[in-house]
Amino acid sequence: MLMLMTATASLAQNIKFRIQAPDAITLTKQGSIDMAFDGLVLDSDMVSTIAIGDTHRMAVLAIDAPAHYELTVYIEPANNDRLLLDGTESDQWIPFTLEFAYANPGYPVTETYIKALTDAVEIPTGLGQITFPVSSRASRLLPPPPSAKYGNYKVSKQRAFLFFYGRLGSTNAGNNVVAGTYETTIEVTIDFTSHEH
């Protein structure tokens, strides 16, 4: 499954997420927008921040998968953590720091991210790979019986969440910011290991 989420702020700062996962995993974007930073002042010390829990500005991804799956998430920000003018390599760029968190206590697939924020585990800045079970509760139980291969048995899914937030700026660090559209793409790949017998 390939999903593309695009965030467009009013001052043309675009952060695109390219997300890939196997067909056994269902991905759903939550909320009404992806990432919306406040406006930046050119050549300024101002830093625009989206904090975890800023429900109107952060990007949220719901991951539905069998509870006995262990997920590995790889995150690769392009352009060395910079938003580039017109998305191409140049001397004009805005510093960007991506941060993320996950929540996985064993939600039903109908759960929304608002409740999940209280269970979020923040990942240290700069870490590009994490592994966690879809359900931390299910990871303490035995995996489902092997009967999944027989009859019409359907493995039930549970929901985990990924939260994306971060900082943009400052713009006076010799990065030659001029008016224009600043962009980057963040590659997110989700894979799994099944602990089924």
C-alpha atoms as a PDB file:
ATOM      1  CA  MET A   1       0.000   0.000   0.000  1.00  0.00           C
ATOM      2  CA  LEU A   2       1.349   3.436  -0.922  1.00  0.00           C
ATOM      3  CA  MET A   3      -0.160   6.546   0.633  1.00  0.00           C
ATOM      4  CA  LEU A   4       0.791  10.146  -0.062  1.00  0.00           C
ATOM      5  CA  MET A   5      -0.075  12.878   2.442  1.00  0.00           C
ATOM      6  CA  THR A   6       0.675  16.493   1.596  1.00  0.00           C
ATOM      7  CA  ALA A   7       0.661  19.470   3.926  1.00  0.00           C
ATOM      8  CA  THR A   8       0.392  22.950   2.530  1.00  0.00           C
ATOM      9  CA  ALA A   9       0.691  25.903   4.883  1.00  0.00           C
ATOM     10  CA  SER A  10      -0.460  29.388   3.887  1.00  0.00           C
ATOM     11  CA  LEU A  11       3.122  30.511   3.246  1.00  0.00           C
ATOM     12  CA  ALA A  12       3.926  27.646   0.858  1.00  0.00           C
ATOM     13  CA  GLN A  13       5.860  25.341   3.165  1.00  0.00           C
ATOM     14  CA  ASN A  14       5.046  21.857   1.889  1.00  0.00           C
ATOM     15  CA  ILE A  15       5.870  18.663   3.739  1.00  0.00           C
ATOM     16  CA  LYS A  16       5.000  15.553   1.768  1.00  0.00           C
ATOM     17  CA  PHE A  17       4.811  12.103   3.354  1.00  0.00           C
ATOM     18  CA  ARG A  18       5.341   9.096   1.100  1.00  0.00           C
ATOM     19  CA  ILE A  19       4.182   6.098   3.144  1.00  0.00           C
ATOM     20  CA  GLN A  20       4.522   2.460   2.138  1.00  0.00           C
ATOM     21  CA  ALA A  21       3.270  -0.675   3.862  1.00  0.00           C
ATOM     22  CA  PRO A  22       2.431  -4.268   2.896  1.00  0.00           C
ATOM     23  CA  ASP A  23      -1.176  -5.127   1.961  1.00  0.00           C
ATOM     24  CA  ALA A  24      -1.738  -6.855   5.319  1.00  0.00           C
ATOM     25  CA  ILE A  25      -1.587  -3.418   6.969  1.00  0.00           C
ATOM     26  CA  THR A  26      -4.272  -0.752   6.507  1.00  0.00           C
ATOM     27  CA  LEU A  27      -3.203   2.898   6.777  1.00  0.00           C
ATOM     28  CA  THR A  28      -5.600   5.770   7.450  1.00  0.00           C
ATOM     29  CA  LYS A  29      -4.764   9.471   7.726  1.00  0.00           C
ATOM     30  CA  GLN A  30      -6.475  10.979  10.782  1.00  0.00           C
ATOM     31  CA  GLY A  31      -7.536  14.589  11.237  1.00  0.00           C
ATOM     32  CA  SER A  32      -8.332  17.287   8.704  1.00  0.00           C
ATOM     33  CA  ILE A  33      -4.803  18.477   7.782  1.00  0.00           C
ATOM     34  CA  ASP A  34      -1.321  17.003   7.692  1.00  0.00           C
ATOM     35  CA  MET A  35       1.174  19.533   9.077  1.00  0.00           C
ATOM     36  CA  ALA A  36       0.494  23.277   9.239  1.00  0.00           C
ATOM     37  CA  PHE A  37       3.289  25.504  10.517  1.00  0.00           C
ATOM     38  CA  ASP A  38       2.779  29.128  11.528  1.00  0.00           C
ATOM     39  CA  GLY A  39       4.128  31.724   9.118  1.00  0.00           C
ATOM     40  CA  LEU A  40       7.851  32.436   9.134  1.00  0.00           C
ATOM     41  CA  VAL A  41       9.442  35.875   9.007  1.00  0.00           C
ATOM     42  CA  LEU A  42      12.349  36.011   6.554  1.00  0.00           C
ATOM     43  CA  ASP A  43      15.772  36.345   8.190  1.00  0.00           C
ATOM     44  CA  SER A  44      14.342  35.837  11.659  1.00  0.00           C
ATOM     45  CA  ASP A  45      15.220  33.985  14.843  1.00  0.00           C
ATOM     46  CA  MET A  46      11.613  32.770  14.983  1.00  0.00           C
ATOM     47  CA  VAL A  47      11.058  29.017  15.177  1.00  0.00           C
ATOM     48  CA  SER A  48       7.648  27.604  14.319  1.00  0.00           C
ATOM     49  CA  THR A  49       6.808  24.540  16.407  1.00  0.00           C
ATOM     50  CA  ILE A  50       4.126  21.891  16.159  1.00  0.00           C
ATOM     51  CA  ALA A  51       4.047  20.021  19.461  1.00  0.00           C
ATOM     52  CA  ILE A  52       2.668  16.555  20.068  1.00  0.00           C
ATOM     53  CA  GLY A  53      -0.943  17.036  21.020  1.00  0.00           C
ATOM     54  CA  ASP A  54      -1.407  20.024  18.701  1.00  0.00           C
ATOM     55  CA  THR A  55      -4.375  18.246  17.154  1.00  0.00           C
ATOM     56  CA  HIS A  56      -5.071  20.828  14.465  1.00  0.00           C
ATOM     57  CA  ARG A  57      -1.536  20.981  13.058  1.00  0.00           C
ATOM     58  CA  MET A  58       0.299  17.642  13.465  1.00  0.00           C
ATOM     59  CA  ALA A  59       0.069  14.688  11.052  1.00  0.00           C
ATOM     60  CA  VAL A  60      -1.482  11.467  12.378  1.00  0.00           C
ATOM     61  CA  LEU A  61      -1.488   8.014  10.800  1.00  0.00           C
ATOM     62  CA  ALA A  62      -3.609   5.080  12.030  1.00  0.00           C
ATOM     63  CA  ILE A  63      -2.145   1.615  11.411  1.00  0.00           C
ATOM     64  CA  ASP A  64      -4.552  -1.349  11.456  1.00  0.00           C
ATOM     65  CA  ALA A  65      -2.864  -4.753  11.571  1.00  0.00           C
ATOM     66  CA  PRO A  66      -3.198  -8.111  13.349  1.00  0.00           C
ATOM     67  CA  ALA A  67      -2.432  -7.629  17.045  1.00  0.00           C
ATOM     68  CA  HIS A  68       0.381 -10.216  17.021  1.00  0.00           C
ATOM     69  CA  TYR A  69       2.353  -8.275  14.376  1.00  0.00           C
ATOM     70  CA  GLU A  70       5.485  -6.416  15.348  1.00  0.00           C
ATOM     71  CA  LEU A  71       5.877  -3.264  13.262  1.00  0.00           C
ATOM     72  CA  THR A  72       9.140  -1.741  12.126  1.00  0.00           C
ATOM     73  CA  VAL A  73       8.881   1.876  10.984  1.00  0.00           C
ATOM     74  CA  TYR A  74      11.664   3.449   8.915  1.00  0.00           C
ATOM     75  CA  ILE A  75      11.613   7.253   8.578  1.00  0.00           C
ATOM     76  CA  GLU A  76      13.892   9.038   6.130  1.00  0.00           C
ATOM     77  CA  PRO A  77      13.567  12.807   5.826  1.00  0.00           C
ATOM     78  CA  ALA A  78      14.899  13.930   2.464  1.00  0.00           C
ATOM     79  CA  ASN A  79      17.193  16.916   1.989  1.00  0.00           C
ATOM     80  CA  ASN A  80      19.108  16.603   5.277  1.00  0.00           C
ATOM     81  CA  ASP A  81      16.229  17.934   7.383  1.00  0.00           C
ATOM     82  CA  ARG A  82      15.672  20.996   5.218  1.00  0.00           C
ATOM     83  CA  LEU A  83      12.810  22.408   3.215  1.00  0.00           C
ATOM     84  CA  LEU A  84      14.314  23.418  -0.125  1.00  0.00           C
ATOM     85  CA  LEU A  85      13.165  26.221  -2.404  1.00  0.00           C
ATOM     86  CA  ASP A  86      10.932  24.577  -5.046  1.00  0.00           C
ATOM     87  CA  GLY A  87      11.949  21.189  -3.598  1.00  0.00           C
ATOM     88  CA  THR A  88      15.282  21.170  -5.451  1.00  0.00           C
ATOM     89  CA  GLU A  89      18.833  21.422  -4.152  1.00  0.00           C
ATOM     90  CA  SER A  90      19.826  25.053  -3.848  1.00  0.00           C
ATOM     91  CA  ASP A  91      21.335  27.587  -1.474  1.00  0.00           C
ATOM     92  CA  GLN A  92      17.842  28.603  -0.316  1.00  0.00           C
ATOM     93  CA  TRP A  93      16.441  26.430   2.479  1.00  0.00           C
ATOM     94  CA  ILE A  94      14.589  26.459   5.795  1.00  0.00           C
ATOM     95  CA  PRO A  95      15.782  24.203   8.661  1.00  0.00           C
ATOM     96  CA  PHE A  96      13.277  21.471   9.553  1.00  0.00           C
ATOM     97  CA  THR A  97      13.349  19.013  12.470  1.00  0.00           C
ATOM     98  CA  LEU A  98      10.938  16.081  12.255  1.00  0.00           C
ATOM     99  CA  GLU A  99       9.787  14.436  15.476  1.00  0.00           C
ATOM    100  CA  PHE A 100       7.441  11.505  15.919  1.00  0.00           C
ATOM    101  CA  ALA A 101       5.756   9.268  18.462  1.00  0.00           C
ATOM    102  CA  TYR A 102       3.636   6.116  18.501  1.00  0.00           C
ATOM    103  CA  ALA A 103       0.801   4.704  20.613  1.00  0.00           C
ATOM    104  CA  ASN A 104       0.002   0.983  20.762  1.00  0.00           C
ATOM    105  CA  PRO A 105      -1.873  -0.205  23.880  1.00  0.00           C
ATOM    106  CA  GLY A 106      -4.276  -2.352  21.822  1.00  0.00           C
ATOM    107  CA  TYR A 107      -6.944  -0.052  20.398  1.00  0.00           C
ATOM    108  CA  PRO A 108      -9.934  -1.332  18.435  1.00  0.00           C
ATOM    109  CA  VAL A 109      -9.818  -0.293  14.749  1.00  0.00           C
ATOM    110  CA  THR A 110     -12.566   2.259  15.442  1.00  0.00           C
ATOM    111  CA  GLU A 111     -10.458   4.263  17.927  1.00  0.00           C
ATOM    112  CA  THR A 112      -9.525   7.865  17.108  1.00  0.00           C
ATOM    113  CA  TYR A 113      -6.170   9.484  17.749  1.00  0.00           C
ATOM    114  CA  ILE A 114      -7.444  11.908  20.425  1.00  0.00           C
ATOM    115  CA  LYS A 115      -7.538   9.170  23.078  1.00  0.00           C
ATOM    116  CA  ALA A 116      -4.258   7.730  21.795  1.00  0.00           C
ATOM    117  CA  LEU A 117      -2.362  10.935  22.601  1.00  0.00           C
ATOM    118  CA  THR A 118      -2.415  10.028  26.304  1.00  0.00           C
ATOM    119  CA  ASP A 119      -0.538   6.791  25.478  1.00  0.00           C
ATOM    120  CA  ALA A 120       1.984   8.290  23.042  1.00  0.00           C
ATOM    121  CA  VAL A 121       5.623   7.274  23.338  1.00  0.00           C
ATOM    122  CA  GLU A 122       7.892  10.029  21.991  1.00  0.00           C
ATOM    123  CA  ILE A 123      10.926   8.910  20.000  1.00  0.00           C
ATOM    124  CA  PRO A 124      14.276  10.721  20.437  1.00  0.00           C
ATOM    125  CA  THR A 125      14.925  13.277  17.688  1.00  0.00           C
ATOM    126  CA  GLY A 126      17.062  11.903  14.882  1.00  0.00           C
ATOM    127  CA  LEU A 127      16.168   8.247  15.396  1.00  0.00           C
ATOM    128  CA  GLY A 128      15.086   6.898  12.006  1.00  0.00           C
ATOM    129  CA  GLN A 129      13.900   3.385  12.868  1.00  0.00           C
ATOM    130  CA  ILE A 130      11.705   1.946  15.606  1.00  0.00           C
ATOM    131  CA  THR A 131      10.101  -1.430  16.236  1.00  0.00           C
ATOM    132  CA  PHE A 132       7.009  -1.962  18.375  1.00  0.00           C
ATOM    133  CA  PRO A 133       4.082  -4.412  18.572  1.00  0.00           C
ATOM    134  CA  VAL A 134       0.722  -3.362  17.113  1.00  0.00           C
ATOM    135  CA  SER A 135      -0.684  -4.041  20.560  1.00  0.00           C
ATOM    136  CA  SER A 136       1.502  -3.905  23.646  1.00  0.00           C
ATOM    137  CA  ARG A 137      -1.180  -6.001  25.393  1.00  0.00           C
ATOM    138  CA  ALA A 138      -1.141  -8.689  22.710  1.00  0.00           C
ATOM    139  CA  SER A 139       2.653  -8.900  22.860  1.00  0.00           C
ATOM    140  CA  ARG A 140       2.312 -10.344  26.365  1.00  0.00           C
ATOM    141  CA  LEU A 141      -0.072 -13.062  25.169  1.00  0.00           C
ATOM    142  CA  LEU A 142       0.499 -16.147  23.088  1.00  0.00           C
ATOM    143  CA  PRO A 143      -0.031 -15.622  19.353  1.00  0.00           C
ATOM    144  CA  PRO A 144      -3.321 -16.856  17.848  1.00  0.00           C
ATOM    145  CA  PRO A 145      -3.702 -20.584  17.181  1.00  0.00           C
ATOM    146  CA  PRO A 146      -2.584 -21.938  13.818  1.00  0.00           C
ATOM    147  CA  SER A 147      -6.232 -22.391  12.788  1.00  0.00           C
ATOM    148  CA  ALA A 148      -5.934 -19.201  10.708  1.00  0.00           C
ATOM    149  CA  LYS A 149      -4.829 -21.417   7.835  1.00  0.00           C
ATOM    150  CA  TYR A 150      -8.013 -23.489   7.967  1.00  0.00           C
ATOM    151  CA  GLY A 151     -11.601 -22.628   7.186  1.00  0.00           C
ATOM    152  CA  ASN A 152     -12.891 -19.074   7.182  1.00  0.00           C
ATOM    153  CA  TYR A 153     -10.944 -17.927  10.222  1.00  0.00           C
ATOM    154  CA  LYS A 154     -10.197 -14.206   9.997  1.00  0.00           C
ATOM    155  CA  VAL A 155      -7.472 -12.645  12.118  1.00  0.00           C
ATOM    156  CA  SER A 156      -8.801  -9.601  13.957  1.00  0.00           C
ATOM    157  CA  LYS A 157      -6.911  -6.339  13.681  1.00  0.00           C
ATOM    158  CA  GLN A 158      -6.041  -3.698  16.217  1.00  0.00           C
ATOM    159  CA  ARG A 159      -4.965  -0.098  15.745  1.00  0.00           C
ATOM    160  CA  ALA A 160      -1.706   1.687  16.528  1.00  0.00           C
ATOM    161  CA  PHE A 161      -0.914   5.332  15.774  1.00  0.00           C
ATOM    162  CA  LEU A 162       2.028   7.361  14.488  1.00  0.00           C
ATOM    163  CA  PHE A 163       2.186  11.092  15.271  1.00  0.00           C
ATOM    164  CA  PHE A 164       4.394  13.485  13.248  1.00  0.00           C
ATOM    165  CA  TYR A 165       5.288  16.959  14.506  1.00  0.00           C
ATOM    166  CA  GLY A 166       8.408  19.139  14.718  1.00  0.00           C
ATOM    167  CA  ARG A 167      10.090  22.506  14.222  1.00  0.00           C
ATOM    168  CA  LEU A 168      10.665  24.834  11.276  1.00  0.00           C
ATOM    169  CA  GLY A 169      13.242  27.668  11.338  1.00  0.00           C
ATOM    170  CA  SER A 170      15.041  29.822  12.300  1.00  0.00           C
ATOM    171  CA  THR A 171      15.778  31.442   8.960  1.00  0.00           C
ATOM    172  CA  ASN A 172      18.782  33.650   9.728  1.00  0.00           C
ATOM    173  CA  ALA A 173      21.488  30.991   9.842  1.00  0.00           C
ATOM    174  CA  GLY A 174      23.001  31.851   6.455  1.00  0.00           C
ATOM    175  CA  ASN A 175      20.387  29.873   4.555  1.00  0.00           C
ATOM    176  CA  ASN A 176      19.462  32.660   2.100  1.00  0.00           C
ATOM    177  CA  VAL A 177      15.690  32.428   2.453  1.00  0.00           C
ATOM    178  CA  VAL A 178      13.816  34.197  -0.341  1.00  0.00           C
ATOM    179  CA  ALA A 179      10.112  34.225  -1.199  1.00  0.00           C
ATOM    180  CA  GLY A 180       8.910  30.978  -2.768  1.00  0.00           C
ATOM    181  CA  THR A 181       7.653  27.470  -2.116  1.00  0.00           C
ATOM    182  CA  TYR A 182       9.778  25.393   0.261  1.00  0.00           C
ATOM    183  CA  GLU A 183       9.312  21.621   0.175  1.00  0.00           C
ATOM    184  CA  THR A 184      10.603  18.298   1.405  1.00  0.00           C
ATOM    185  CA  THR A 185       9.473  14.683   1.264  1.00  0.00           C
ATOM    186  CA  ILE A 186       9.545  12.296   4.206  1.00  0.00           C
ATOM    187  CA  GLU A 187       9.719   8.610   3.304  1.00  0.00           C
ATOM    188  CA  VAL A 188       7.934   6.363   5.818  1.00  0.00           C
ATOM    189  CA  THR A 189       8.138   2.594   5.296  1.00  0.00           C
ATOM    190  CA  ILE A 190       6.238   0.245   7.576  1.00  0.00           C
ATOM    191  CA  ASP A 191       7.066  -3.452   7.666  1.00  0.00           C
ATOM    192  CA  PHE A 192       6.036  -6.250   9.996  1.00  0.00           C
ATOM    193  CA  THR A 193       7.094  -9.495  11.574  1.00  0.00           C
ATOM    194  CA  SER A 194       4.376 -12.016  12.363  1.00  0.00           C
ATOM    195  CA  HIS A 195       4.755 -14.109  15.499  1.00  0.00           C
ATOM    196  CA  GLU A 196       2.094 -16.538  14.344  1.00  0.00           C
ATOM    197  CA  HIS A 197       2.841 -20.253  14.635  1.00  0.00           C
END
